[in-house]
Amino acid sequence: MYLDTLLEFSDSQAVTVTANSTNIVDLYSGSPQGQKNALRDVGTGDDLYLMVQVDTTFVGGTSITPSLQSATSADLLTSPVTHITLPTYTTAQLTAGITLASVRLPKDSYKRYLGVVWTAVGTYTAGALSAFVTTDQQSYRSYANNYTP
């Protein structure tokens, strides 16, 4: 699987409480044909997939619910739109090495900034997640909660 670091939301991000992904993608930057302020298409052409993986086993807390959101502000607070909401994963399901999801991005109208929001219930003392967009799904998958994209 190939990974474009510009489409990487979290790279082993420690998530202790509700938080946005470390990286927020600006869909205006690098627009094709040098267009200024032209929103890049997301989900058109080749299928793109949101991958979410557990890198470090979680300790403490109760659960985490990941969601892919876009908004008109980089903090994802202004006019947010939720494009994907994954199931709620309990602490027992958040073990290192597991792929929580591999979900095709919908062909939606995305706002300028795109990122993952990690909604945590309780406070974690350990645990890290990775989330990124890729064109290649892994051939092996282990879904917590029996989630099937």
Protein backbone atom coordinates (compact mmCIF):
# COMPACT_ATOMS: atom_id res chain seq x y z
CA MET A 1 0.00 0.00 0.00
CA TYR A 2 1.28 3.45 -0.94
CA LEU A 3 0.85 6.33 1.46
CA ASP A 4 0.91 10.01 0.47
CA THR A 5 2.02 11.96 3.55
CA LEU A 6 -0.10 14.90 2.38
CA LEU A 7 -3.16 12.70 2.89
CA GLU A 8 -2.12 11.45 6.32
CA PHE A 9 -4.38 12.76 9.08
CA SER A 10 -2.75 11.03 12.06
CA ASP A 11 0.57 9.20 12.27
CA SER A 12 0.60 7.25 15.54
CA GLN A 13 -1.22 10.16 17.17
CA ALA A 14 -1.65 9.75 20.91
CA VAL A 15 -5.34 10.26 21.61
CA THR A 16 -6.13 10.80 25.28
CA VAL A 17 -9.34 12.87 24.94
CA THR A 18 -11.55 14.10 22.10
CA ALA A 19 -9.31 15.75 19.51
CA ASN A 20 -8.84 16.55 15.85
CA SER A 21 -6.27 14.68 13.81
CA THR A 22 -2.78 16.15 13.94
CA ASN A 23 -2.95 17.03 10.24
CA ILE A 24 -5.82 18.76 8.48
CA VAL A 25 -5.83 18.62 4.66
CA ASP A 26 -6.39 21.95 2.90
CA LEU A 27 -8.29 21.04 -0.25
CA TYR A 28 -7.58 24.44 -1.80
CA SER A 29 -3.79 24.22 -1.73
CA GLY A 30 -2.15 22.76 -4.81
CA SER A 31 -5.29 23.03 -6.92
CA PRO A 32 -4.94 21.67 -10.47
CA GLN A 33 -3.99 23.90 -13.41
CA GLY A 34 -2.86 26.65 -11.06
CA GLN A 35 -6.42 27.69 -10.26
CA LYS A 36 -6.68 29.93 -7.23
CA ASN A 37 -9.15 28.92 -4.57
CA ALA A 38 -10.46 25.98 -6.60
CA LEU A 39 -11.61 23.12 -4.41
CA ARG A 40 -10.03 19.78 -5.32
CA ASP A 41 -12.39 16.94 -6.14
CA VAL A 42 -12.44 14.22 -3.51
CA GLY A 43 -13.82 10.79 -4.26
CA THR A 44 -14.03 11.26 -8.03
CA GLY A 45 -11.95 9.13 -10.40
CA ASP A 46 -10.20 6.26 -8.63
CA ASP A 47 -11.74 5.12 -5.37
CA LEU A 48 -10.10 6.57 -2.28
CA TYR A 49 -10.24 4.88 1.11
CA LEU A 50 -10.02 6.16 4.66
CA MET A 51 -7.87 3.76 6.65
CA VAL A 52 -7.89 3.82 10.46
CA GLN A 53 -5.41 1.71 12.41
CA VAL A 54 -4.45 1.24 16.05
CA ASP A 55 -0.69 1.62 16.56
CA THR A 56 -0.51 1.45 20.36
CA THR A 57 -2.95 -0.38 22.62
CA PHE A 58 -5.32 1.91 24.51
CA VAL A 59 -5.43 2.05 28.31
CA GLY A 60 -8.11 3.80 30.37
CA GLY A 61 -11.06 5.63 28.87
CA THR A 62 -14.23 3.99 27.64
CA SER A 63 -14.48 4.35 23.85
CA ILE A 64 -13.48 6.26 20.72
CA THR A 65 -15.60 7.12 17.68
CA PRO A 66 -13.66 8.31 14.61
CA SER A 67 -15.32 10.52 12.00
CA LEU A 68 -14.16 12.17 8.78
CA GLN A 69 -15.24 15.80 8.68
CA SER A 70 -14.75 18.84 6.51
CA ALA A 71 -15.31 22.48 7.44
CA THR A 72 -14.60 26.02 6.31
CA SER A 73 -12.04 26.51 9.10
CA ALA A 74 -8.85 24.54 9.81
CA ASP A 75 -10.03 23.74 13.35
CA LEU A 76 -13.05 21.93 11.81
CA LEU A 77 -15.44 24.04 13.90
CA THR A 78 -16.96 26.38 11.29
CA SER A 79 -19.82 24.83 9.31
CA PRO A 80 -18.60 21.24 9.84
CA VAL A 81 -19.97 18.40 7.71
CA THR A 82 -19.54 14.78 8.76
CA HIS A 83 -18.86 12.55 5.76
CA ILE A 84 -18.14 9.25 7.55
CA THR A 85 -18.85 8.19 11.11
CA LEU A 86 -17.29 4.89 12.08
CA PRO A 87 -18.66 2.68 14.85
CA THR A 88 -17.81 3.38 18.47
CA TYR A 89 -14.85 1.22 19.52
CA THR A 90 -14.46 0.18 23.16
CA THR A 91 -11.11 0.22 24.92
CA ALA A 92 -10.96 -3.59 24.69
CA GLN A 93 -11.20 -3.35 20.87
CA LEU A 94 -8.40 -0.77 20.59
CA THR A 95 -5.42 -3.12 20.53
CA ALA A 96 -2.17 -2.52 18.67
CA GLY A 97 -1.97 -3.77 15.10
CA ILE A 98 -5.68 -3.82 14.35
CA THR A 99 -7.22 -2.07 11.35
CA LEU A 100 -10.46 -0.50 12.54
CA ALA A 101 -11.72 0.47 9.11
CA SER A 102 -11.05 0.76 5.43
CA VAL A 103 -13.94 2.79 4.04
CA ARG A 104 -14.40 4.24 0.56
CA LEU A 105 -14.71 8.01 0.64
CA PRO A 106 -18.13 9.17 -0.45
CA LYS A 107 -18.49 11.38 -3.50
CA ASP A 108 -19.68 14.32 -1.38
CA SER A 109 -19.33 18.06 -1.50
CA TYR A 110 -16.36 18.63 0.77
CA LYS A 111 -15.57 21.94 2.39
CA ARG A 112 -12.06 23.42 2.32
CA TYR A 113 -10.51 21.63 5.31
CA LEU A 114 -10.68 17.85 5.78
CA GLY A 115 -9.68 15.90 8.87
CA VAL A 116 -10.53 13.16 11.34
CA VAL A 117 -12.19 13.90 14.66
CA TRP A 118 -11.46 11.39 17.41
CA THR A 119 -14.40 11.54 19.86
CA ALA A 120 -13.28 9.93 23.10
CA VAL A 121 -15.40 9.02 26.11
CA GLY A 122 -13.25 9.18 29.21
CA THR A 123 -9.54 9.91 29.39
CA TYR A 124 -6.92 7.53 28.04
CA THR A 125 -3.45 7.19 29.54
CA ALA A 126 -2.05 5.37 26.51
CA GLY A 127 -3.02 4.66 22.94
CA ALA A 128 -2.21 5.88 19.43
CA LEU A 129 -4.06 5.87 16.12
CA SER A 130 -3.19 6.42 12.47
CA ALA A 131 -5.63 7.61 9.81
CA PHE A 132 -4.93 8.34 6.16
CA VAL A 133 -6.39 8.30 2.67
CA THR A 134 -5.09 5.78 0.16
CA THR A 135 -6.06 4.28 -3.18
CA ASP A 136 -5.03 0.78 -2.10
CA GLN A 137 -6.81 -1.19 0.56
CA GLN A 138 -4.73 -3.66 2.49
CA SER A 139 -5.28 -7.25 1.48
CA TYR A 140 -5.55 -8.27 5.14
CA ARG A 141 -8.03 -6.68 7.48
CA SER A 142 -8.99 -7.25 11.06
CA TYR A 143 -12.06 -5.20 11.90
CA ALA A 144 -12.98 -4.51 15.47
CA ASN A 145 -16.72 -4.69 16.08
CA ASN A 146 -17.13 -6.82 12.90
CA TYR A 147 -17.39 -3.60 10.90
CA THR A 148 -17.52 -4.14 7.14
CA PRO A 149 -17.20 -1.17 4.79
